[in-house]
PDB file of N, CA and C in Angstrom:
ATOM      1  N   UNK A   1     -12.884  14.617 -13.857  1.00  0.00           N
ATOM      2  CA  UNK A   1     -13.479  13.323 -13.598  1.00  0.00           C
ATOM      3  C   UNK A   1     -14.742  13.520 -12.767  1.00  0.00           C
ATOM      4  N   UNK A   2     -15.837  13.046 -13.268  1.00  0.00           N
ATOM      5  CA  UNK A   2     -17.117  13.154 -12.571  1.00  0.00           C
ATOM      6  C   UNK A   2     -17.410  11.845 -11.861  1.00  0.00           C
ATOM      7  N   UNK A   3     -17.776  11.956 -10.590  1.00  0.00           N
ATOM      8  CA  UNK A   3     -18.163  10.772  -9.837  1.00  0.00           C
ATOM      9  C   UNK A   3     -19.672  10.757  -9.705  1.00  0.00           C
ATOM     10  N   UNK A   4     -20.193   9.558  -9.743  1.00  0.00           N
ATOM     11  CA  UNK A   4     -21.618   9.400  -9.548  1.00  0.00           C
ATOM     12  C   UNK A   4     -21.976   9.552  -8.080  1.00  0.00           C
ATOM     13  N   UNK A   5     -23.266   9.634  -7.779  1.00  0.00           N
ATOM     14  CA  UNK A   5     -23.693   9.819  -6.387  1.00  0.00           C
ATOM     15  C   UNK A   5     -23.219   8.704  -5.458  1.00  0.00           C
ATOM     16  N   UNK A   6     -23.215   7.486  -5.955  1.00  0.00           N
ATOM     17  CA  UNK A   6     -22.773   6.368  -5.118  1.00  0.00           C
ATOM     18  C   UNK A   6     -21.281   6.470  -4.818  1.00  0.00           C
ATOM     19  N   UNK A   7     -20.492   6.846  -5.825  1.00  0.00           N
ATOM     20  CA  UNK A   7     -19.053   7.001  -5.621  1.00  0.00           C
ATOM     21  C   UNK A   7     -18.758   8.129  -4.628  1.00  0.00           C
ATOM     22  N   UNK A   8     -19.486   9.226  -4.744  1.00  0.00           N
ATOM     23  CA  UNK A   8     -19.296  10.344  -3.803  1.00  0.00           C
ATOM     24  C   UNK A   8     -19.634   9.908  -2.384  1.00  0.00           C
ATOM     25  N   UNK A   9     -20.696   9.120  -2.257  1.00  0.00           N
ATOM     26  CA  UNK A   9     -21.100   8.628  -0.939  1.00  0.00           C
ATOM     27  C   UNK A   9     -20.003   7.757  -0.336  1.00  0.00           C
ATOM     28  N   UNK A  10     -19.445   6.870  -1.151  1.00  0.00           N
ATOM     29  CA  UNK A  10     -18.371   5.994  -0.679  1.00  0.00           C
ATOM     30  C   UNK A  10     -17.161   6.826  -0.265  1.00  0.00           C
ATOM     31  N   UNK A  11     -16.823   7.823  -1.053  1.00  0.00           N
ATOM     32  CA  UNK A  11     -15.682   8.695  -0.721  1.00  0.00           C
ATOM     33  C   UNK A  11     -15.930   9.432   0.594  1.00  0.00           C
ATOM     34  N   UNK A  12     -17.137   9.933   0.796  1.00  0.00           N
ATOM     35  CA  UNK A  12     -17.459  10.628   2.051  1.00  0.00           C
ATOM     36  C   UNK A  12     -17.361   9.680   3.236  1.00  0.00           C
ATOM     37  N   UNK A  13     -17.830   8.446   3.057  1.00  0.00           N
ATOM     38  CA  UNK A  13     -17.762   7.450   4.131  1.00  0.00           C
ATOM     39  C   UNK A  13     -16.314   7.102   4.464  1.00  0.00           C
ATOM     40  N   UNK A  14     -15.478   6.955   3.443  1.00  0.00           N
ATOM     41  CA  UNK A  14     -14.062   6.674   3.673  1.00  0.00           C
ATOM     42  C   UNK A  14     -13.389   7.830   4.407  1.00  0.00           C
ATOM     43  N   UNK A  15     -13.696   9.038   3.972  1.00  0.00           N
ATOM     44  CA  UNK A  15     -13.124  10.227   4.615  1.00  0.00           C
ATOM     45  C   UNK A  15     -13.565  10.306   6.072  1.00  0.00           C
ATOM     46  N   UNK A  16     -14.824  10.039   6.332  1.00  0.00           N
ATOM     47  CA  UNK A  16     -15.342  10.066   7.703  1.00  0.00           C
ATOM     48  C   UNK A  16     -14.647   9.006   8.552  1.00  0.00           C
ATOM     49  N   UNK A  17     -14.503   7.800   8.011  1.00  0.00           N
ATOM     50  CA  UNK A  17     -13.843   6.719   8.746  1.00  0.00           C
ATOM     51  C   UNK A  17     -12.380   7.074   9.024  1.00  0.00           C
ATOM     52  N   UNK A  18     -11.720   7.687   8.043  1.00  0.00           N
ATOM     53  CA  UNK A  18     -10.328   8.105   8.220  1.00  0.00           C
ATOM     54  C   UNK A  18     -10.224   9.141   9.335  1.00  0.00           C
ATOM     55  N   UNK A  19     -11.091  10.135   9.302  1.00  0.00           N
ATOM     56  CA  UNK A  19     -11.066  11.183  10.331  1.00  0.00           C
ATOM     57  C   UNK A  19     -11.327  10.604  11.720  1.00  0.00           C
ATOM     58  N   UNK A  20     -12.252   9.675  11.817  1.00  0.00           N
ATOM     59  CA  UNK A  20     -12.540   9.044  13.107  1.00  0.00           C
ATOM     60  C   UNK A  20     -11.342   8.245  13.608  1.00  0.00           C
ATOM     61  N   UNK A  21     -10.693   7.516  12.687  1.00  0.00           N
ATOM     62  CA  UNK A  21      -9.527   6.732  13.071  1.00  0.00           C
ATOM     63  C   UNK A  21      -8.391   7.639  13.545  1.00  0.00           C
ATOM     64  N   UNK A  22      -8.152   8.723  12.815  1.00  0.00           N
ATOM     65  CA  UNK A  22      -7.093   9.659  13.188  1.00  0.00           C
ATOM     66  C   UNK A  22      -7.423  10.338  14.507  1.00  0.00           C
ATOM     67  N   UNK A  23      -8.686  10.720  14.707  1.00  0.00           N
ATOM     68  CA  UNK A  23      -9.091  11.339  15.975  1.00  0.00           C
ATOM     69  C   UNK A  23      -8.819  10.385  17.124  1.00  0.00           C
ATOM     70  N   UNK A  24      -9.131   9.106  16.923  1.00  0.00           N
ATOM     71  CA  UNK A  24      -8.842   8.107  17.953  1.00  0.00           C
ATOM     72  C   UNK A  24      -7.351   8.000  18.231  1.00  0.00           C
ATOM     73  N   UNK A  25      -6.542   8.071  17.185  1.00  0.00           N
ATOM     74  CA  UNK A  25      -5.094   8.006  17.365  1.00  0.00           C
ATOM     75  C   UNK A  25      -4.570   9.230  18.104  1.00  0.00           C
ATOM     76  N   UNK A  26      -5.122  10.389  17.781  1.00  0.00           N
ATOM     77  CA  UNK A  26      -4.724  11.620  18.488  1.00  0.00           C
ATOM     78  C   UNK A  26      -5.092  11.492  19.960  1.00  0.00           C
ATOM     79  N   UNK A  27      -6.317  11.051  20.232  1.00  0.00           N
ATOM     80  CA  UNK A  27      -6.753  10.886  21.621  1.00  0.00           C
ATOM     81  C   UNK A  27      -5.849   9.898  22.352  1.00  0.00           C
ATOM     82  N   UNK A  28      -5.499   8.812  21.680  1.00  0.00           N
ATOM     83  CA  UNK A  28      -4.629   7.806  22.278  1.00  0.00           C
ATOM     84  C   UNK A  28      -3.235   8.382  22.556  1.00  0.00           C
ATOM     85  N   UNK A  29      -2.705   9.135  21.599  1.00  0.00           N
ATOM     86  CA  UNK A  29      -1.385   9.748  21.774  1.00  0.00           C
ATOM     87  C   UNK A  29      -1.401  10.730  22.937  1.00  0.00           C
ATOM     88  N   UNK A  30      -2.473  11.493  23.049  1.00  0.00           N
ATOM     89  CA  UNK A  30      -2.607  12.449  24.148  1.00  0.00           C
ATOM     90  C   UNK A  30      -2.694  11.710  25.476  1.00  0.00           C
ATOM     91  N   UNK A  31      -3.484  10.664  25.506  1.00  0.00           N
ATOM     92  CA  UNK A  31      -3.630   9.863  26.736  1.00  0.00           C
ATOM     93  C   UNK A  31      -2.296   9.232  27.125  1.00  0.00           C
ATOM     94  N   UNK A  32      -1.615   8.631  26.142  1.00  0.00           N
ATOM     95  CA  UNK A  32      -0.341   7.960  26.402  1.00  0.00           C
ATOM     96  C   UNK A  32       0.739   8.932  26.863  1.00  0.00           C
ATOM     97  N   UNK A  33       0.623  10.188  26.449  1.00  0.00           N
ATOM     98  CA  UNK A  33       1.622  11.186  26.845  1.00  0.00           C
ATOM     99  C   UNK A  33       1.477  11.576  28.311  1.00  0.00           C
ATOM    100  N   UNK A  34       0.304  11.336  28.882  1.00  0.00           N
ATOM    101  CA  UNK A  34       0.062  11.716  30.266  1.00  0.00           C
ATOM    102  C   UNK A  34      -0.349  13.166  30.425  1.00  0.00           C
ATOM    103  N   UNK A  35      -0.475  13.858  29.313  1.00  0.00           N
ATOM    104  CA  UNK A  35      -0.882  15.266  29.362  1.00  0.00           C
ATOM    105  C   UNK A  35      -2.393  15.381  29.515  1.00  0.00           C
ATOM    106  N   UNK A  36      -2.822  16.432  30.176  1.00  0.00           N
ATOM    107  CA  UNK A  36      -4.249  16.726  30.315  1.00  0.00           C
ATOM    108  C   UNK A  36      -4.462  18.139  29.767  1.00  0.00           C
ATOM    109  N   UNK A  37      -4.752  18.200  28.476  1.00  0.00           N
ATOM    110  CA  UNK A  37      -4.874  19.494  27.801  1.00  0.00           C
ATOM    111  C   UNK A  37      -6.325  19.794  27.492  1.00  0.00           C
ATOM    112  N   UNK A  38      -6.663  21.051  27.535  1.00  0.00           N
ATOM    113  CA  UNK A  38      -8.012  21.508  27.216  1.00  0.00           C
ATOM    114  C   UNK A  38      -7.937  22.664  26.227  1.00  0.00           C
ATOM    115  N   UNK A  39      -9.041  22.855  25.512  1.00  0.00           N
ATOM    116  CA  UNK A  39      -9.213  24.024  24.645  1.00  0.00           C
ATOM    117  C   UNK A  39      -8.133  24.186  23.602  1.00  0.00           C
ATOM    118  N   UNK A  40      -7.542  25.371  23.596  1.00  0.00           N
ATOM    119  CA  UNK A  40      -6.574  25.728  22.556  1.00  0.00           C
ATOM    120  C   UNK A  40      -5.321  24.855  22.602  1.00  0.00           C
ATOM    121  N   UNK A  41      -4.876  24.510  23.789  1.00  0.00           N
ATOM    122  CA  UNK A  41      -3.683  23.655  23.908  1.00  0.00           C
ATOM    123  C   UNK A  41      -3.940  22.278  23.301  1.00  0.00           C
ATOM    124  N   UNK A  42      -5.128  21.764  23.504  1.00  0.00           N
ATOM    125  CA  UNK A  42      -5.487  20.454  22.927  1.00  0.00           C
ATOM    126  C   UNK A  42      -5.515  20.553  21.402  1.00  0.00           C
ATOM    127  N   UNK A  43      -6.092  21.631  20.877  1.00  0.00           N
ATOM    128  CA  UNK A  43      -6.131  21.820  19.434  1.00  0.00           C
ATOM    129  C   UNK A  43      -4.717  21.932  18.868  1.00  0.00           C
ATOM    130  N   UNK A  44      -3.838  22.630  19.576  1.00  0.00           N
ATOM    131  CA  UNK A  44      -2.448  22.751  19.124  1.00  0.00           C
ATOM    132  C   UNK A  44      -1.759  21.388  19.114  1.00  0.00           C
ATOM    133  N   UNK A  45      -2.021  20.591  20.156  1.00  0.00           N
ATOM    134  CA  UNK A  45      -1.457  19.247  20.220  1.00  0.00           C
ATOM    135  C   UNK A  45      -1.944  18.423  19.028  1.00  0.00           C
ATOM    136  N   UNK A  46      -3.245  18.475  18.765  1.00  0.00           N
ATOM    137  CA  UNK A  46      -3.821  17.721  17.644  1.00  0.00           C
ATOM    138  C   UNK A  46      -3.197  18.145  16.324  1.00  0.00           C
ATOM    139  N   UNK A  47      -3.077  19.454  16.107  1.00  0.00           N
ATOM    140  CA  UNK A  47      -2.488  19.947  14.860  1.00  0.00           C
ATOM    141  C   UNK A  47      -1.046  19.484  14.718  1.00  0.00           C
ATOM    142  N   UNK A  48      -0.301  19.593  15.796  1.00  0.00           N
ATOM    143  CA  UNK A  48       1.104  19.201  15.761  1.00  0.00           C
ATOM    144  C   UNK A  48       1.246  17.691  15.523  1.00  0.00           C
ATOM    145  N   UNK A  49       0.424  16.911  16.178  1.00  0.00           N
ATOM    146  CA  UNK A  49       0.451  15.465  15.993  1.00  0.00           C
ATOM    147  C   UNK A  49       0.174  15.109  14.531  1.00  0.00           C
ATOM    148  N   UNK A  50      -0.869  15.719  13.970  1.00  0.00           N
ATOM    149  CA  UNK A  50      -1.225  15.431  12.574  1.00  0.00           C
ATOM    150  C   UNK A  50      -0.135  15.892  11.612  1.00  0.00           C
ATOM    151  N   UNK A  51       0.451  17.035  11.891  1.00  0.00           N
ATOM    152  CA  UNK A  51       1.532  17.553  11.055  1.00  0.00           C
ATOM    153  C   UNK A  51       2.718  16.585  11.054  1.00  0.00           C
ATOM    154  N   UNK A  52       3.105  16.143  12.227  1.00  0.00           N
ATOM    155  CA  UNK A  52       4.237  15.220  12.325  1.00  0.00           C
ATOM    156  C   UNK A  52       3.900  13.858  11.733  1.00  0.00           C
ATOM    157  N   UNK A  53       2.675  13.433  11.909  1.00  0.00           N
ATOM    158  CA  UNK A  53       2.247  12.155  11.330  1.00  0.00           C
ATOM    159  C   UNK A  53       2.322  12.214   9.804  1.00  0.00           C
ATOM    160  N   UNK A  54       1.863  13.305   9.202  1.00  0.00           N
ATOM    161  CA  UNK A  54       1.948  13.462   7.745  1.00  0.00           C
ATOM    162  C   UNK A  54       3.404  13.446   7.281  1.00  0.00           C
ATOM    163  N   UNK A  55       4.282  14.103   8.053  1.00  0.00           N
ATOM    164  CA  UNK A  55       5.699  14.133   7.699  1.00  0.00           C
ATOM    165  C   UNK A  55       6.273  12.713   7.722  1.00  0.00           C
ATOM    166  N   UNK A  56       5.969  11.967   8.767  1.00  0.00           N
ATOM    167  CA  UNK A  56       6.455  10.586   8.885  1.00  0.00           C
ATOM    168  C   UNK A  56       5.927   9.730   7.745  1.00  0.00           C
ATOM    169  N   UNK A  57       4.634   9.843   7.442  1.00  0.00           N
ATOM    170  CA  UNK A  57       4.038   9.058   6.350  1.00  0.00           C
ATOM    171  C   UNK A  57       4.676   9.411   5.012  1.00  0.00           C
ATOM    172  N   UNK A  58       4.972  10.698   4.801  1.00  0.00           N
ATOM    173  CA  UNK A  58       5.626  11.132   3.570  1.00  0.00           C
ATOM    174  C   UNK A  58       7.012  10.490   3.455  1.00  0.00           C
ATOM    175  N   UNK A  59       7.775  10.535   4.555  1.00  0.00           N
ATOM    176  CA  UNK A  59       9.112   9.938   4.547  1.00  0.00           C
ATOM    177  C   UNK A  59       9.048   8.440   4.265  1.00  0.00           C
ATOM    178  N   UNK A  60       8.090   7.764   4.866  1.00  0.00           N
ATOM    179  CA  UNK A  60       7.944   6.327   4.628  1.00  0.00           C
ATOM    180  C   UNK A  60       7.581   6.027   3.184  1.00  0.00           C
ATOM    181  N   UNK A  61       6.704   6.854   2.597  1.00  0.00           N
ATOM    182  CA  UNK A  61       6.359   6.662   1.173  1.00  0.00           C
ATOM    183  C   UNK A  61       7.588   6.863   0.295  1.00  0.00           C
ATOM    184  N   UNK A  62       8.403   7.874   0.627  1.00  0.00           N
ATOM    185  CA  UNK A  62       9.611   8.145  -0.152  1.00  0.00           C
ATOM    186  C   UNK A  62      10.574   6.953  -0.058  1.00  0.00           C
ATOM    187  N   UNK A  63      10.758   6.420   1.147  1.00  0.00           N
ATOM    188  CA  UNK A  63      11.648   5.277   1.338  1.00  0.00           C
ATOM    189  C   UNK A  63      11.140   4.057   0.574  1.00  0.00           C
ATOM    190  N   UNK A  64       9.843   3.821   0.660  1.00  0.00           N
ATOM    191  CA  UNK A  64       9.255   2.679  -0.041  1.00  0.00           C
ATOM    192  C   UNK A  64       9.434   2.822  -1.544  1.00  0.00           C
ATOM    193  N   UNK A  65       9.197   4.012  -2.058  1.00  0.00           N
ATOM    194  CA  UNK A  65       9.341   4.241  -3.495  1.00  0.00           C
ATOM    195  C   UNK A  65      10.793   4.060  -3.925  1.00  0.00           C
ATOM    196  N   UNK A  66      11.742   4.525  -3.123  1.00  0.00           N
ATOM    197  CA  UNK A  66      13.161   4.359  -3.450  1.00  0.00           C
ATOM    198  C   UNK A  66      13.524   2.878  -3.498  1.00  0.00           C
ATOM    199  N   UNK A  67      13.064   2.105  -2.537  1.00  0.00           N
ATOM    200  CA  UNK A  67      13.336   0.658  -2.526  1.00  0.00           C
ATOM    201  C   UNK A  67      12.702  -0.015  -3.730  1.00  0.00           C
ATOM    202  N   UNK A  68      11.485   0.398  -4.076  1.00  0.00           N
ATOM    203  CA  UNK A  68      10.801  -0.175  -5.241  1.00  0.00           C
ATOM    204  C   UNK A  68      11.620   0.092  -6.502  1.00  0.00           C
ATOM    205  N   UNK A  69      12.086   1.314  -6.658  1.00  0.00           N
ATOM    206  CA  UNK A  69      12.854   1.675  -7.846  1.00  0.00           C
ATOM    207  C   UNK A  69      14.158   0.883  -7.925  1.00  0.00           C
ATOM    208  N   UNK A  70      14.756   0.583  -6.777  1.00  0.00           N
ATOM    209  CA  UNK A  70      15.980  -0.220  -6.750  1.00  0.00           C
ATOM    210  C   UNK A  70      15.707  -1.642  -7.232  1.00  0.00           C
ATOM    211  N   UNK A  71      14.567  -2.182  -6.900  1.00  0.00           N
ATOM    212  CA  UNK A  71      14.267  -3.580  -7.190  1.00  0.00           C
ATOM    213  C   UNK A  71      13.619  -3.803  -8.558  1.00  0.00           C
ATOM    214  N   UNK A  72      13.083  -2.767  -9.172  1.00  0.00           N
ATOM    215  CA  UNK A  72      12.393  -2.940 -10.452  1.00  0.00           C
ATOM    216  C   UNK A  72      13.276  -3.466 -11.582  1.00  0.00           C
ATOM    217  N   UNK A  73      14.519  -2.975 -11.744  1.00  0.00           N
ATOM    218  CA  UNK A  73      15.330  -3.522 -12.847  1.00  0.00           C
ATOM    219  C   UNK A  73      15.536  -5.037 -12.746  1.00  0.00           C
ATOM    220  N   UNK A  74      15.794  -5.540 -11.557  1.00  0.00           N
ATOM    221  CA  UNK A  74      15.978  -6.980 -11.390  1.00  0.00           C
ATOM    222  C   UNK A  74      14.679  -7.726 -11.692  1.00  0.00           C
ATOM    223  N   UNK A  75      13.558  -7.172 -11.260  1.00  0.00           N
ATOM    224  CA  UNK A  75      12.258  -7.784 -11.544  1.00  0.00           C
ATOM    225  C   UNK A  75      12.021  -7.845 -13.040  1.00  0.00           C
ATOM    226  N   UNK A  76      12.272  -6.746 -13.729  1.00  0.00           N
ATOM    227  CA  UNK A  76      12.064  -6.714 -15.180  1.00  0.00           C
ATOM    228  C   UNK A  76      12.941  -7.745 -15.887  1.00  0.00           C
ATOM    229  N   UNK A  77      14.189  -7.832 -15.455  1.00  0.00           N
ATOM    230  CA  UNK A  77      15.101  -8.788 -16.084  1.00  0.00           C
ATOM    231  C   UNK A  77      14.656 -10.228 -15.826  1.00  0.00           C
ATOM    232  N   UNK A  78      14.227 -10.504 -14.601  1.00  0.00           N
ATOM    233  CA  UNK A  78      13.747 -11.838 -14.259  1.00  0.00           C
ATOM    234  C   UNK A  78      12.523 -12.206 -15.100  1.00  0.00           C
ATOM    235  N   UNK A  79      11.596 -11.275 -15.223  1.00  0.00           N
ATOM    236  CA  UNK A  79      10.395 -11.540 -16.027  1.00  0.00           C
ATOM    237  C   UNK A  79      10.734 -11.667 -17.507  1.00  0.00           C
ATOM    238  N   UNK A  80      11.687 -10.876 -17.957  1.00  0.00           N
ATOM    239  CA  UNK A  80      12.106 -10.962 -19.355  1.00  0.00           C
ATOM    240  C   UNK A  80      12.641 -12.361 -19.657  1.00  0.00           C
ATOM    241  N   UNK A  81      13.474 -12.877 -18.756  1.00  0.00           N
ATOM    242  CA  UNK A  81      14.020 -14.226 -18.950  1.00  0.00           C
ATOM    243  C   UNK A  81      12.926 -15.285 -18.868  1.00  0.00           C
ATOM    244  N   UNK A  82      12.006 -15.108 -17.923  1.00  0.00           N
ATOM    245  CA  UNK A  82      10.942 -16.086 -17.730  1.00  0.00           C
ATOM    246  C   UNK A  82      10.006 -16.169 -18.931  1.00  0.00           C
ATOM    247  N   UNK A  83       9.697 -15.030 -19.518  1.00  0.00           N
ATOM    248  CA  UNK A  83       8.704 -15.005 -20.596  1.00  0.00           C
ATOM    249  C   UNK A  83       9.307 -14.904 -21.985  1.00  0.00           C
ATOM    250  N   UNK A  84      10.607 -14.902 -22.070  1.00  0.00           N
ATOM    251  CA  UNK A  84      11.258 -14.801 -23.369  1.00  0.00           C
ATOM    252  C   UNK A  84      11.013 -16.075 -24.162  1.00  0.00           C
ATOM    253  N   UNK A  85      10.698 -15.909 -25.429  1.00  0.00           N
ATOM    254  CA  UNK A  85      10.466 -17.053 -26.297  1.00  0.00           C
ATOM    255  C   UNK A  85      11.779 -17.816 -26.459  1.00  0.00           C
ATOM    256  N   UNK A  86      11.714 -19.150 -26.373  1.00  0.00           N
ATOM    257  CA  UNK A  86      12.946 -19.919 -26.570  1.00  0.00           C
ATOM    258  C   UNK A  86      13.414 -19.768 -28.015  1.00  0.00           C
ATOM    259  N   UNK A  87      14.721 -19.766 -28.184  1.00  0.00           N
ATOM    260  CA  UNK A  87      15.255 -19.622 -29.538  1.00  0.00           C
ATOM    261  C   UNK A  87      14.983 -20.911 -30.308  1.00  0.00           C
ATOM    262  N   UNK A  88      14.797 -20.835 -31.623  1.00  0.00           N
ATOM    263  CA  UNK A  88      14.430 -22.015 -32.430  1.00  0.00           C
ATOM    264  C   UNK A  88      15.489 -23.107 -32.406  1.00  0.00           C
ATOM    265  N   UNK A  89      16.761 -22.789 -32.166  1.00  0.00           N
ATOM    266  CA  UNK A  89      17.801 -23.808 -32.194  1.00  0.00           C
ATOM    267  C   UNK A  89      17.799 -24.673 -30.940  1.00  0.00           C
ATOM    268  N   UNK A  90      17.158 -24.205 -29.888  1.00  0.00           N
ATOM    269  CA  UNK A  90      17.088 -24.976 -28.653  1.00  0.00           C
ATOM    270  C   UNK A  90      15.851 -25.867 -28.714  1.00  0.00           C
ATOM    271  N   UNK A  91      16.055 -27.168 -28.485  1.00  0.00           N
ATOM    272  CA  UNK A  91      14.916 -28.086 -28.499  1.00  0.00           C
ATOM    273  C   UNK A  91      14.469 -28.343 -27.080  1.00  0.00           C
ATOM    274  N   UNK A  92      13.216 -28.520 -26.919  1.00  0.00           N
ATOM    275  CA  UNK A  92      12.649 -28.777 -25.607  1.00  0.00           C
ATOM    276  C   UNK A  92      12.822 -30.244 -25.252  1.00  0.00           C
ATOM    277  N   UNK A  93      13.238 -30.522 -24.011  1.00  0.00           N
ATOM    278  CA  UNK A  93      13.426 -31.910 -23.584  1.00  0.00           C
ATOM    279  C   UNK A  93      12.199 -32.446 -22.879  1.00  0.00           C
ATOM    280  N   UNK A  94      11.238 -31.613 -22.668  1.00  0.00           N
ATOM    281  CA  UNK A  94      10.042 -32.086 -21.969  1.00  0.00           C
ATOM    282  C   UNK A  94       9.048 -32.646 -22.974  1.00  0.00           C
ATOM    283  N   UNK A  95       8.534 -33.802 -22.651  1.00  0.00           N
ATOM    284  CA  UNK A  95       7.540 -34.453 -23.505  1.00  0.00           C
ATOM    285  C   UNK A  95       6.170 -34.190 -22.922  1.00  0.00           C
ATOM    286  N   UNK A  96       5.141 -34.250 -23.724  1.00  0.00           N
ATOM    287  CA  UNK A  96       3.803 -34.054 -23.176  1.00  0.00           C
ATOM    288  C   UNK A  96       3.516 -35.117 -22.126  1.00  0.00           C
ATOM    289  N   UNK A  97       2.838 -34.720 -21.079  1.00  0.00           N
ATOM    290  CA  UNK A  97       2.536 -35.651 -20.001  1.00  0.00           C
ATOM    291  C   UNK A  97       1.480 -36.644 -20.460  1.00  0.00           C
ATOM    292  N   UNK A  98       1.729 -37.917 -20.173  1.00  0.00           N
ATOM    293  CA  UNK A  98       0.780 -38.960 -20.526  1.00  0.00           C
ATOM    294  C   UNK A  98      -0.281 -39.034 -19.458  1.00  0.00           C
ATOM    295  N   UNK A  99      -1.457 -39.411 -19.846  1.00  0.00           N
ATOM    296  CA  UNK A  99      -2.553 -39.533 -18.885  1.00  0.00           C
ATOM    297  C   UNK A  99      -2.279 -40.720 -17.986  1.00  0.00           C
ATOM    298  N   UNK A 100      -2.467 -40.504 -16.687  1.00  0.00           N
ATOM    299  CA  UNK A 100      -2.234 -41.603 -15.747  1.00  0.00           C
ATOM    300  C   UNK A 100      -3.492 -42.391 -15.454  1.00  0.00           C
ATOM    301  N   UNK A 101      -4.602 -42.009 -16.017  1.00  0.00           N
ATOM    302  CA  UNK A 101      -5.848 -42.742 -15.765  1.00  0.00           C
ATOM    303  C   UNK A 101      -5.908 -43.962 -16.670  1.00  0.00           C
ATOM    304  N   UNK A 102      -6.319 -45.103 -16.141  1.00  0.00           N
ATOM    305  CA  UNK A 102      -6.388 -46.330 -16.947  1.00  0.00           C
ATOM    306  C   UNK A 102      -7.465 -46.210 -18.023  1.00  0.00           C
ATOM    307  N   UNK A 103      -7.169 -46.845 -19.167  1.00  0.00           N
ATOM    308  CA  UNK A 103      -8.147 -46.832 -20.257  1.00  0.00           C
ATOM    309  C   UNK A 103      -9.098 -47.977 -20.074  1.00  0.00           C
ATOM    310  N   UNK A 104     -10.346 -47.763 -20.400  1.00  0.00           N
ATOM    311  CA  UNK A 104     -11.366 -48.792 -20.232  1.00  0.00           C
ATOM    312  C   UNK A 104     -11.773 -49.351 -21.559  1.00  0.00           C
TER     313      UNK A 104
END
């Protein structure tokens, strides 16, 4: 799949925004922990935080997908009933709506 220059630019901007947001979250997590880390220890903290965050996000996606799969059969059946053509032997009891505006 080839992306045009504008699409690549948008993707780079999204990636940059994502990295900035995650960096802010890492900084916030470090601040909230009360730790004062520098250099290599800070990098290790950042790596560990991101690793655990990815694991949590993966688990949440798995849970969401499992719930979706549980609910899809009922959704399909409901839509099937809703959009199923009425059988020819059943007559409709609804009459066309009459216009409520007075005739002039």
